[in-house]
Amino acid sequence: MVKKNYVLTEQALKVLKRPDVKPMLMVFFRVRDARTIDSYIANNVPYGPLMNIHVKELLQFLVPDLPEKSIYRRLTPEEEDALNRTMPEYKQRKRQNEQDGENH
């Protein structure tokens, strides 16, 4: 079984980009430079720092009526191919997930 890869939706990223949310993310990730948070948001990839379950909880706290299906979306095949070409660690994790699925 192949693990499905999800990223945050544009709607969720829009909430995280708000000026009042950035300080919360800085405290959560224990970073001192707001540019780090900007790079996390720009690099919206599976297994990235924003895919933490607590970020989902923060989004649901900030926008209580935001359903979970509006927080995450599945990667398109084109996006997966682009990630495979540009990110060797993503490719390695994907291969490991596929092997884990074969072993179970």
PDB file of N, CA and C in Angstrom:
ATOM      1  N   MET A   1       0.845  -1.177   0.000  1.00  0.00           N
ATOM      2  CA  MET A   1       0.000   0.000   0.000  1.00  0.00           C
ATOM      3  C   MET A   1       0.892   1.243   0.000  1.00  0.00           C
ATOM      4  N   VAL A   2       0.603   2.160  -0.872  1.00  0.00           N
ATOM      5  CA  VAL A   2       1.353   3.399  -0.989  1.00  0.00           C
ATOM      6  C   VAL A   2       0.692   4.457  -0.120  1.00  0.00           C
ATOM      7  N   LYS A   3       1.495   5.142   0.666  1.00  0.00           N
ATOM      8  CA  LYS A   3       0.970   6.195   1.526  1.00  0.00           C
ATOM      9  C   LYS A   3       0.603   7.410   0.680  1.00  0.00           C
ATOM     10  N   LYS A   4      -0.559   7.964   0.933  1.00  0.00           N
ATOM     11  CA  LYS A   4      -0.987   9.166   0.222  1.00  0.00           C
ATOM     12  C   LYS A   4      -0.262  10.368   0.801  1.00  0.00           C
ATOM     13  N   ASN A   5       0.151  11.258  -0.061  1.00  0.00           N
ATOM     14  CA  ASN A   5       0.897  12.432   0.371  1.00  0.00           C
ATOM     15  C   ASN A   5       0.020  13.667   0.305  1.00  0.00           C
ATOM     16  N   TYR A   6      -0.057  14.352   1.433  1.00  0.00           N
ATOM     17  CA  TYR A   6      -0.891  15.522   1.556  1.00  0.00           C
ATOM     18  C   TYR A   6      -0.052  16.751   1.868  1.00  0.00           C
ATOM     19  N   VAL A   7      -0.584  17.899   1.492  1.00  0.00           N
ATOM     20  CA  VAL A   7      -0.002  19.200   1.822  1.00  0.00           C
ATOM     21  C   VAL A   7      -1.142  20.104   2.266  1.00  0.00           C
ATOM     22  N   LEU A   8      -0.806  21.268   2.770  1.00  0.00           N
ATOM     23  CA  LEU A   8      -1.834  22.221   3.185  1.00  0.00           C
ATOM     24  C   LEU A   8      -2.471  22.877   1.958  1.00  0.00           C
ATOM     25  N   THR A   9      -3.746  23.171   2.069  1.00  0.00           N
ATOM     26  CA  THR A   9      -4.454  23.850   0.982  1.00  0.00           C
ATOM     27  C   THR A   9      -4.079  25.325   0.962  1.00  0.00           C
ATOM     28  N   GLU A  10      -4.425  25.966  -0.123  1.00  0.00           N
ATOM     29  CA  GLU A  10      -4.178  27.410  -0.235  1.00  0.00           C
ATOM     30  C   GLU A  10      -4.959  28.173   0.832  1.00  0.00           C
ATOM     31  N   GLN A  11      -6.145  27.703   1.154  1.00  0.00           N
ATOM     32  CA  GLN A  11      -6.962  28.351   2.180  1.00  0.00           C
ATOM     33  C   GLN A  11      -6.264  28.286   3.543  1.00  0.00           C
ATOM     34  N   ALA A  12      -5.700  27.136   3.871  1.00  0.00           N
ATOM     35  CA  ALA A  12      -4.976  26.993   5.147  1.00  0.00           C
ATOM     36  C   ALA A  12      -3.713  27.846   5.150  1.00  0.00           C
ATOM     37  N   LEU A  13      -2.999  27.868   4.033  1.00  0.00           N
ATOM     38  CA  LEU A  13      -1.786  28.688   3.954  1.00  0.00           C
ATOM     39  C   LEU A  13      -2.108  30.169   4.092  1.00  0.00           C
ATOM     40  N   LYS A  14      -3.251  30.565   3.562  1.00  0.00           N
ATOM     41  CA  LYS A  14      -3.674  31.970   3.664  1.00  0.00           C
ATOM     42  C   LYS A  14      -3.857  32.357   5.138  1.00  0.00           C
ATOM     43  N   VAL A  15      -4.411  31.447   5.927  1.00  0.00           N
ATOM     44  CA  VAL A  15      -4.584  31.705   7.365  1.00  0.00           C
ATOM     45  C   VAL A  15      -3.224  31.797   8.046  1.00  0.00           C
ATOM     46  N   LEU A  16      -2.313  30.894   7.688  1.00  0.00           N
ATOM     47  CA  LEU A  16      -0.991  30.884   8.325  1.00  0.00           C
ATOM     48  C   LEU A  16      -0.154  32.095   7.941  1.00  0.00           C
ATOM     49  N   LYS A  17      -0.450  32.720   6.823  1.00  0.00           N
ATOM     50  CA  LYS A  17       0.294  33.900   6.377  1.00  0.00           C
ATOM     51  C   LYS A  17      -0.153  35.184   7.063  1.00  0.00           C
ATOM     52  N   ARG A  18      -1.251  35.119   7.800  1.00  0.00           N
ATOM     53  CA  ARG A  18      -1.750  36.326   8.458  1.00  0.00           C
ATOM     54  C   ARG A  18      -0.721  36.850   9.455  1.00  0.00           C
ATOM     55  N   PRO A  19      -0.613  38.169   9.577  1.00  0.00           N
ATOM     56  CA  PRO A  19       0.388  38.760  10.487  1.00  0.00           C
ATOM     57  C   PRO A  19       0.199  38.363  11.954  1.00  0.00           C
ATOM     58  N   ASP A  20      -1.035  38.123  12.374  1.00  0.00           N
ATOM     59  CA  ASP A  20      -1.268  37.747  13.765  1.00  0.00           C
ATOM     60  C   ASP A  20      -0.926  36.284  14.048  1.00  0.00           C
ATOM     61  N   VAL A  21      -0.789  35.458  13.020  1.00  0.00           N
ATOM     62  CA  VAL A  21      -0.500  34.039  13.202  1.00  0.00           C
ATOM     63  C   VAL A  21       1.007  33.761  13.194  1.00  0.00           C
ATOM     64  N   LYS A  22       1.751  34.566  12.468  1.00  0.00           N
ATOM     65  CA  LYS A  22       3.188  34.331  12.337  1.00  0.00           C
ATOM     66  C   LYS A  22       3.900  34.274  13.693  1.00  0.00           C
ATOM     67  N   PRO A  23       3.613  35.170  14.646  1.00  0.00           N
ATOM     68  CA  PRO A  23       4.263  35.050  15.961  1.00  0.00           C
ATOM     69  C   PRO A  23       3.926  33.738  16.679  1.00  0.00           C
ATOM     70  N   MET A  24       2.704  33.258  16.502  1.00  0.00           N
ATOM     71  CA  MET A  24       2.328  31.978  17.114  1.00  0.00           C
ATOM     72  C   MET A  24       3.164  30.844  16.534  1.00  0.00           C
ATOM     73  N   LEU A  25       3.341  30.864  15.218  1.00  0.00           N
ATOM     74  CA  LEU A  25       4.147  29.828  14.567  1.00  0.00           C
ATOM     75  C   LEU A  25       5.610  29.916  14.984  1.00  0.00           C
ATOM     76  N   MET A  26       6.093  31.138  15.171  1.00  0.00           N
ATOM     77  CA  MET A  26       7.479  31.313  15.605  1.00  0.00           C
ATOM     78  C   MET A  26       7.691  30.704  16.993  1.00  0.00           C
ATOM     79  N   VAL A  27       6.739  30.900  17.882  1.00  0.00           N
ATOM     80  CA  VAL A  27       6.827  30.320  19.218  1.00  0.00           C
ATOM     81  C   VAL A  27       6.717  28.800  19.130  1.00  0.00           C
ATOM     82  N   PHE A  28       5.770  28.321  18.343  1.00  0.00           N
ATOM     83  CA  PHE A  28       5.555  26.886  18.210  1.00  0.00           C
ATOM     84  C   PHE A  28       6.799  26.176  17.679  1.00  0.00           C
ATOM     85  N   PHE A  29       7.404  26.722  16.626  1.00  0.00           N
ATOM     86  CA  PHE A  29       8.574  26.094  16.023  1.00  0.00           C
ATOM     87  C   PHE A  29       9.892  26.514  16.696  1.00  0.00           C
ATOM     88  N   ARG A  30       9.797  27.397  17.674  1.00  0.00           N
ATOM     89  CA  ARG A  30      10.963  27.869  18.419  1.00  0.00           C
ATOM     90  C   ARG A  30      12.019  28.484  17.490  1.00  0.00           C
ATOM     91  N   VAL A  31      11.531  29.377  16.641  1.00  0.00           N
ATOM     92  CA  VAL A  31      12.445  30.105  15.760  1.00  0.00           C
ATOM     93  C   VAL A  31      12.359  31.584  16.088  1.00  0.00           C
ATOM     94  N   ARG A  32      13.417  32.307  15.805  1.00  0.00           N
ATOM     95  CA  ARG A  32      13.457  33.733  16.132  1.00  0.00           C
ATOM     96  C   ARG A  32      13.334  34.627  14.916  1.00  0.00           C
ATOM     97  N   ASP A  33      13.394  34.053  13.752  1.00  0.00           N
ATOM     98  CA  ASP A  33      13.361  34.837  12.523  1.00  0.00           C
ATOM     99  C   ASP A  33      12.087  34.519  11.749  1.00  0.00           C
ATOM    100  N   ALA A  34      11.306  35.527  11.476  1.00  0.00           N
ATOM    101  CA  ALA A  34      10.042  35.348  10.760  1.00  0.00           C
ATOM    102  C   ALA A  34      10.266  34.795   9.352  1.00  0.00           C
ATOM    103  N   ARG A  35      11.448  35.017   8.796  1.00  0.00           N
ATOM    104  CA  ARG A  35      11.731  34.492   7.453  1.00  0.00           C
ATOM    105  C   ARG A  35      11.729  32.975   7.435  1.00  0.00           C
ATOM    106  N   THR A  36      12.033  32.361   8.567  1.00  0.00           N
ATOM    107  CA  THR A  36      11.991  30.902   8.648  1.00  0.00           C
ATOM    108  C   THR A  36      10.558  30.422   8.453  1.00  0.00           C
ATOM    109  N   ILE A  37       9.620  31.087   9.085  1.00  0.00           N
ATOM    110  CA  ILE A  37       8.211  30.732   8.924  1.00  0.00           C
ATOM    111  C   ILE A  37       7.789  30.953   7.479  1.00  0.00           C
ATOM    112  N   ASP A  38       8.244  32.034   6.876  1.00  0.00           N
ATOM    113  CA  ASP A  38       7.936  32.275   5.461  1.00  0.00           C
ATOM    114  C   ASP A  38       8.452  31.139   4.589  1.00  0.00           C
ATOM    115  N   SER A  39       9.635  30.627   4.886  1.00  0.00           N
ATOM    116  CA  SER A  39      10.180  29.530   4.083  1.00  0.00           C
ATOM    117  C   SER A  39       9.399  28.242   4.325  1.00  0.00           C
ATOM    118  N   TYR A  40       8.928  28.010   5.557  1.00  0.00           N
ATOM    119  CA  TYR A  40       8.092  26.841   5.829  1.00  0.00           C
ATOM    120  C   TYR A  40       6.820  26.900   4.992  1.00  0.00           C
ATOM    121  N   ILE A  41       6.223  28.078   4.922  1.00  0.00           N
ATOM    122  CA  ILE A  41       4.985  28.243   4.162  1.00  0.00           C
ATOM    123  C   ILE A  41       5.253  28.096   2.664  1.00  0.00           C
ATOM    124  N   ALA A  42       6.361  28.648   2.197  1.00  0.00           N
ATOM    125  CA  ALA A  42       6.701  28.545   0.774  1.00  0.00           C
ATOM    126  C   ALA A  42       7.019  27.109   0.382  1.00  0.00           C
ATOM    127  N   ASN A  43       7.594  26.339   1.292  1.00  0.00           N
ATOM    128  CA  ASN A  43       7.949  24.944   1.017  1.00  0.00           C
ATOM    129  C   ASN A  43       6.879  24.019   1.582  1.00  0.00           C
ATOM    130  N   ASN A  44       5.701  24.136   1.076  1.00  0.00           N
ATOM    131  CA  ASN A  44       4.561  23.334   1.513  1.00  0.00           C
ATOM    132  C   ASN A  44       4.682  21.942   0.900  1.00  0.00           C
ATOM    133  N   VAL A  45       5.390  21.044   1.602  1.00  0.00           N
ATOM    134  CA  VAL A  45       5.641  19.705   1.093  1.00  0.00           C
ATOM    135  C   VAL A  45       5.221  18.666   2.122  1.00  0.00           C
ATOM    136  N   PRO A  46       4.938  17.442   1.666  1.00  0.00           N
ATOM    137  CA  PRO A  46       4.666  16.372   2.634  1.00  0.00           C
ATOM    138  C   PRO A  46       5.887  16.186   3.526  1.00  0.00           C
ATOM    139  N   TYR A  47       5.667  15.817   4.755  1.00  0.00           N
ATOM    140  CA  TYR A  47       6.720  15.600   5.738  1.00  0.00           C
ATOM    141  C   TYR A  47       7.427  16.895   6.134  1.00  0.00           C
ATOM    142  N   GLY A  48       6.924  18.027   5.682  1.00  0.00           N
ATOM    143  CA  GLY A  48       7.509  19.316   6.057  1.00  0.00           C
ATOM    144  C   GLY A  48       7.054  19.720   7.446  1.00  0.00           C
ATOM    145  N   PRO A  49       7.626  20.775   7.977  1.00  0.00           N
ATOM    146  CA  PRO A  49       7.293  21.188   9.345  1.00  0.00           C
ATOM    147  C   PRO A  49       5.825  21.570   9.524  1.00  0.00           C
ATOM    148  N   LEU A  50       5.182  22.067   8.478  1.00  0.00           N
ATOM    149  CA  LEU A  50       3.784  22.481   8.619  1.00  0.00           C
ATOM    150  C   LEU A  50       2.817  21.302   8.658  1.00  0.00           C
ATOM    151  N   MET A  51       3.285  20.105   8.392  1.00  0.00           N
ATOM    152  CA  MET A  51       2.403  18.940   8.423  1.00  0.00           C
ATOM    153  C   MET A  51       2.280  18.373   9.834  1.00  0.00           C
ATOM    154  N   ASN A  52       2.702  19.109  10.809  1.00  0.00           N
ATOM    155  CA  ASN A  52       2.583  18.736  12.211  1.00  0.00           C
ATOM    156  C   ASN A  52       1.111  18.793  12.622  1.00  0.00           C
ATOM    157  N   ILE A  53       0.660  17.811  13.396  1.00  0.00           N
ATOM    158  CA  ILE A  53      -0.743  17.750  13.822  1.00  0.00           C
ATOM    159  C   ILE A  53      -1.139  18.986  14.617  1.00  0.00           C
ATOM    160  N   HIS A  54      -0.201  19.609  15.303  1.00  0.00           N
ATOM    161  CA  HIS A  54      -0.514  20.790  16.105  1.00  0.00           C
ATOM    162  C   HIS A  54      -0.779  22.020  15.229  1.00  0.00           C
ATOM    163  N   VAL A  55      -0.228  22.033  14.039  1.00  0.00           N
ATOM    164  CA  VAL A  55      -0.534  23.122  13.104  1.00  0.00           C
ATOM    165  C   VAL A  55      -1.990  22.996  12.669  1.00  0.00           C
ATOM    166  N   LYS A  56      -2.439  21.768  12.464  1.00  0.00           N
ATOM    167  CA  LYS A  56      -3.852  21.538  12.133  1.00  0.00           C
ATOM    168  C   LYS A  56      -4.741  22.033  13.279  1.00  0.00           C
ATOM    169  N   GLU A  57      -4.360  21.710  14.503  1.00  0.00           N
ATOM    170  CA  GLU A  57      -5.134  22.159  15.665  1.00  0.00           C
ATOM    171  C   GLU A  57      -5.144  23.683  15.761  1.00  0.00           C
ATOM    172  N   LEU A  58      -4.014  24.316  15.467  1.00  0.00           N
ATOM    173  CA  LEU A  58      -3.939  25.773  15.474  1.00  0.00           C
ATOM    174  C   LEU A  58      -4.882  26.360  14.420  1.00  0.00           C
ATOM    175  N   LEU A  59      -4.887  25.774  13.234  1.00  0.00           N
ATOM    176  CA  LEU A  59      -5.788  26.246  12.180  1.00  0.00           C
ATOM    177  C   LEU A  59      -7.248  26.105  12.602  1.00  0.00           C
ATOM    178  N   GLN A  60      -7.580  24.985  13.222  1.00  0.00           N
ATOM    179  CA  GLN A  60      -8.959  24.783  13.672  1.00  0.00           C
ATOM    180  C   GLN A  60      -9.321  25.725  14.810  1.00  0.00           C
ATOM    181  N   PHE A  61      -8.356  26.119  15.619  1.00  0.00           N
ATOM    182  CA  PHE A  61      -8.598  27.087  16.675  1.00  0.00           C
ATOM    183  C   PHE A  61      -8.829  28.478  16.082  1.00  0.00           C
ATOM    184  N   LEU A  62      -7.995  28.846  15.107  1.00  0.00           N
ATOM    185  CA  LEU A  62      -8.096  30.179  14.502  1.00  0.00           C
ATOM    186  C   LEU A  62      -9.342  30.338  13.639  1.00  0.00           C
ATOM    187  N   VAL A  63      -9.705  29.279  12.946  1.00  0.00           N
ATOM    188  CA  VAL A  63     -10.880  29.299  12.062  1.00  0.00           C
ATOM    189  C   VAL A  63     -11.716  28.063  12.405  1.00  0.00           C
ATOM    190  N   PRO A  64     -12.560  28.166  13.437  1.00  0.00           N
ATOM    191  CA  PRO A  64     -13.302  26.990  13.919  1.00  0.00           C
ATOM    192  C   PRO A  64     -14.210  26.343  12.876  1.00  0.00           C
ATOM    193  N   ASP A  65     -14.713  27.116  11.937  1.00  0.00           N
ATOM    194  CA  ASP A  65     -15.622  26.548  10.938  1.00  0.00           C
ATOM    195  C   ASP A  65     -14.891  25.983   9.718  1.00  0.00           C
ATOM    196  N   LEU A  66     -13.570  25.917   9.761  1.00  0.00           N
ATOM    197  CA  LEU A  66     -12.776  25.382   8.657  1.00  0.00           C
ATOM    198  C   LEU A  66     -12.761  23.852   8.756  1.00  0.00           C
ATOM    199  N   PRO A  67     -13.413  23.157   7.801  1.00  0.00           N
ATOM    200  CA  PRO A  67     -13.418  21.695   7.868  1.00  0.00           C
ATOM    201  C   PRO A  67     -12.042  21.119   7.533  1.00  0.00           C
ATOM    202  N   GLU A  68     -11.789  19.899   8.002  1.00  0.00           N
ATOM    203  CA  GLU A  68     -10.478  19.276   7.791  1.00  0.00           C
ATOM    204  C   GLU A  68     -10.164  19.124   6.302  1.00  0.00           C
ATOM    205  N   LYS A  69     -11.167  18.876   5.494  1.00  0.00           N
ATOM    206  CA  LYS A  69     -10.903  18.719   4.059  1.00  0.00           C
ATOM    207  C   LYS A  69     -10.473  20.037   3.411  1.00  0.00           C
ATOM    208  N   SER A  70     -10.655  21.145   4.121  1.00  0.00           N
ATOM    209  CA  SER A  70     -10.173  22.429   3.635  1.00  0.00           C
ATOM    210  C   SER A  70      -8.782  22.772   4.175  1.00  0.00           C
ATOM    211  N   ILE A  71      -8.243  21.882   4.989  1.00  0.00           N
ATOM    212  CA  ILE A  71      -6.904  22.091   5.537  1.00  0.00           C
ATOM    213  C   ILE A  71      -5.862  21.358   4.698  1.00  0.00           C
ATOM    214  N   TYR A  72      -6.172  20.125   4.328  1.00  0.00           N
ATOM    215  CA  TYR A  72      -5.225  19.309   3.563  1.00  0.00           C
ATOM    216  C   TYR A  72      -5.764  18.993   2.175  1.00  0.00           C
ATOM    217  N   ARG A  73      -4.839  18.810   1.256  1.00  0.00           N
ATOM    218  CA  ARG A  73      -5.193  18.323  -0.078  1.00  0.00           C
ATOM    219  C   ARG A  73      -4.137  17.320  -0.505  1.00  0.00           C
ATOM    220  N   ARG A  74      -4.536  16.415  -1.351  1.00  0.00           N
ATOM    221  CA  ARG A  74      -3.610  15.400  -1.845  1.00  0.00           C
ATOM    222  C   ARG A  74      -2.757  15.984  -2.962  1.00  0.00           C
ATOM    223  N   LEU A  75      -1.493  15.576  -3.019  1.00  0.00           N
ATOM    224  CA  LEU A  75      -0.611  16.020  -4.099  1.00  0.00           C
ATOM    225  C   LEU A  75      -1.083  15.463  -5.433  1.00  0.00           C
ATOM    226  N   THR A  76      -0.960  16.262  -6.457  1.00  0.00           N
ATOM    227  CA  THR A  76      -1.253  15.784  -7.798  1.00  0.00           C
ATOM    228  C   THR A  76      -0.059  14.965  -8.286  1.00  0.00           C
ATOM    229  N   PRO A  77      -0.261  14.086  -9.252  1.00  0.00           N
ATOM    230  CA  PRO A  77       0.877  13.322  -9.782  1.00  0.00           C
ATOM    231  C   PRO A  77       2.001  14.220 -10.312  1.00  0.00           C
ATOM    232  N   GLU A  78       1.639  15.347 -10.903  1.00  0.00           N
ATOM    233  CA  GLU A  78       2.653  16.273 -11.413  1.00  0.00           C
ATOM    234  C   GLU A  78       3.482  16.855 -10.275  1.00  0.00           C
ATOM    235  N   GLU A  79       2.821  17.198  -9.164  1.00  0.00           N
ATOM    236  CA  GLU A  79       3.541  17.732  -8.006  1.00  0.00           C
ATOM    237  C   GLU A  79       4.467  16.677  -7.403  1.00  0.00           C
ATOM    238  N   GLU A  80       3.993  15.423  -7.353  1.00  0.00           N
ATOM    239  CA  GLU A  80       4.836  14.350  -6.834  1.00  0.00           C
ATOM    240  C   GLU A  80       6.067  14.151  -7.710  1.00  0.00           C
ATOM    241  N   ASP A  81       5.880  14.175  -9.020  1.00  0.00           N
ATOM    242  CA  ASP A  81       7.012  14.028  -9.935  1.00  0.00           C
ATOM    243  C   ASP A  81       8.013  15.160  -9.737  1.00  0.00           C
ATOM    244  N   ALA A  82       7.510  16.375  -9.593  1.00  0.00           N
ATOM    245  CA  ALA A  82       8.401  17.521  -9.383  1.00  0.00           C
ATOM    246  C   ALA A  82       9.170  17.369  -8.080  1.00  0.00           C
ATOM    247  N   LEU A  83       8.514  16.906  -7.029  1.00  0.00           N
ATOM    248  CA  LEU A  83       9.197  16.688  -5.751  1.00  0.00           C
ATOM    249  C   LEU A  83      10.241  15.587  -5.869  1.00  0.00           C
ATOM    250  N   ASN A  84       9.911  14.535  -6.585  1.00  0.00           N
ATOM    251  CA  ASN A  84      10.869  13.435  -6.761  1.00  0.00           C
ATOM    252  C   ASN A  84      12.141  13.916  -7.444  1.00  0.00           C
ATOM    253  N   ARG A  85      11.999  14.851  -8.377  1.00  0.00           N
ATOM    254  CA  ARG A  85      13.160  15.351  -9.107  1.00  0.00           C
ATOM    255  C   ARG A  85      13.981  16.337  -8.282  1.00  0.00           C
ATOM    256  N   THR A  86      13.312  17.107  -7.427  1.00  0.00           N
ATOM    257  CA  THR A  86      14.014  18.183  -6.721  1.00  0.00           C
ATOM    258  C   THR A  86      14.432  17.841  -5.303  1.00  0.00           C
ATOM    259  N   MET A  87      13.782  16.866  -4.691  1.00  0.00           N
ATOM    260  CA  MET A  87      14.056  16.587  -3.279  1.00  0.00           C
ATOM    261  C   MET A  87      14.431  15.125  -3.071  1.00  0.00           C
ATOM    262  N   PRO A  88      15.706  14.811  -2.989  1.00  0.00           N
ATOM    263  CA  PRO A  88      16.117  13.422  -2.803  1.00  0.00           C
ATOM    264  C   PRO A  88      15.572  12.803  -1.512  1.00  0.00           C
ATOM    265  N   GLU A  89      15.465  13.590  -0.435  1.00  0.00           N
ATOM    266  CA  GLU A  89      14.960  13.027   0.823  1.00  0.00           C
ATOM    267  C   GLU A  89      13.486  12.664   0.709  1.00  0.00           C
ATOM    268  N   TYR A  90      12.721  13.419  -0.086  1.00  0.00           N
ATOM    269  CA  TYR A  90      11.314  13.079  -0.306  1.00  0.00           C
ATOM    270  C   TYR A  90      11.231  11.758  -1.060  1.00  0.00           C
ATOM    271  N   LYS A  91      12.065  11.604  -2.063  1.00  0.00           N
ATOM    272  CA  LYS A  91      12.077  10.384  -2.861  1.00  0.00           C
ATOM    273  C   LYS A  91      12.420   9.186  -1.973  1.00  0.00           C
ATOM    274  N   GLN A  92      13.377   9.361  -1.082  1.00  0.00           N
ATOM    275  CA  GLN A  92      13.780   8.282  -0.183  1.00  0.00           C
ATOM    276  C   GLN A  92      12.637   7.914   0.767  1.00  0.00           C
ATOM    277  N   ARG A  93      11.956   8.913   1.328  1.00  0.00           N
ATOM    278  CA  ARG A  93      10.825   8.634   2.229  1.00  0.00           C
ATOM    279  C   ARG A  93       9.703   7.924   1.488  1.00  0.00           C
ATOM    280  N   LYS A  94       9.435   8.345   0.269  1.00  0.00           N
ATOM    281  CA  LYS A  94       8.380   7.718  -0.522  1.00  0.00           C
ATOM    282  C   LYS A  94       8.730   6.255  -0.786  1.00  0.00           C
ATOM    283  N   ARG A  95       9.971   5.996  -1.153  1.00  0.00           N
ATOM    284  CA  ARG A  95      10.414   4.629  -1.412  1.00  0.00           C
ATOM    285  C   ARG A  95      10.274   3.794  -0.146  1.00  0.00           C
ATOM    286  N   GLN A  96      10.625   4.366   1.020  1.00  0.00           N
ATOM    287  CA  GLN A  96      10.513   3.649   2.288  1.00  0.00           C
ATOM    288  C   GLN A  96       9.052   3.336   2.601  1.00  0.00           C
ATOM    289  N   ASN A  97       8.146   4.275   2.341  1.00  0.00           N
ATOM    290  CA  ASN A  97       6.721   4.036   2.569  1.00  0.00           C
ATOM    291  C   ASN A  97       6.209   2.907   1.676  1.00  0.00           C
ATOM    292  N   GLU A  98       6.653   2.897   0.439  1.00  0.00           N
ATOM    293  CA  GLU A  98       6.224   1.825  -0.471  1.00  0.00           C
ATOM    294  C   GLU A  98       6.734   0.478   0.016  1.00  0.00           C
ATOM    295  N   GLN A  99       7.970   0.429   0.490  1.00  0.00           N
ATOM    296  CA  GLN A  99       8.514  -0.824   1.001  1.00  0.00           C
ATOM    297  C   GLN A  99       7.794  -1.257   2.260  1.00  0.00           C
ATOM    298  N   ASP A 100       7.457  -0.323   3.139  1.00  0.00           N
ATOM    299  CA  ASP A 100       6.708  -0.649   4.355  1.00  0.00           C
ATOM    300  C   ASP A 100       5.352  -1.227   3.999  1.00  0.00           C
ATOM    301  N   GLY A 101       4.719  -0.687   2.966  1.00  0.00           N
ATOM    302  CA  GLY A 101       3.417  -1.184   2.529  1.00  0.00           C
ATOM    303  C   GLY A 101       3.502  -2.601   1.989  1.00  0.00           C
ATOM    304  N   GLU A 102       4.591  -2.928   1.327  1.00  0.00           N
ATOM    305  CA  GLU A 102       4.776  -4.289   0.803  1.00  0.00           C
ATOM    306  C   GLU A 102       5.036  -5.280   1.910  1.00  0.00           C
ATOM    307  N   ASN A 103       5.655  -4.825   2.988  1.00  0.00           N
ATOM    308  CA  ASN A 103       5.999  -5.726   4.092  1.00  0.00           C
ATOM    309  C   ASN A 103       4.805  -6.034   4.988  1.00  0.00           C
ATOM    310  N   HIS A 104       3.729  -5.240   4.873  1.00  0.00           N
ATOM    311  CA  HIS A 104       2.566  -5.481   5.758  1.00  0.00           C
ATOM    312  C   HIS A 104       1.473  -6.193   5.070  1.00  0.00           C
TER     313      HIS A 104
END
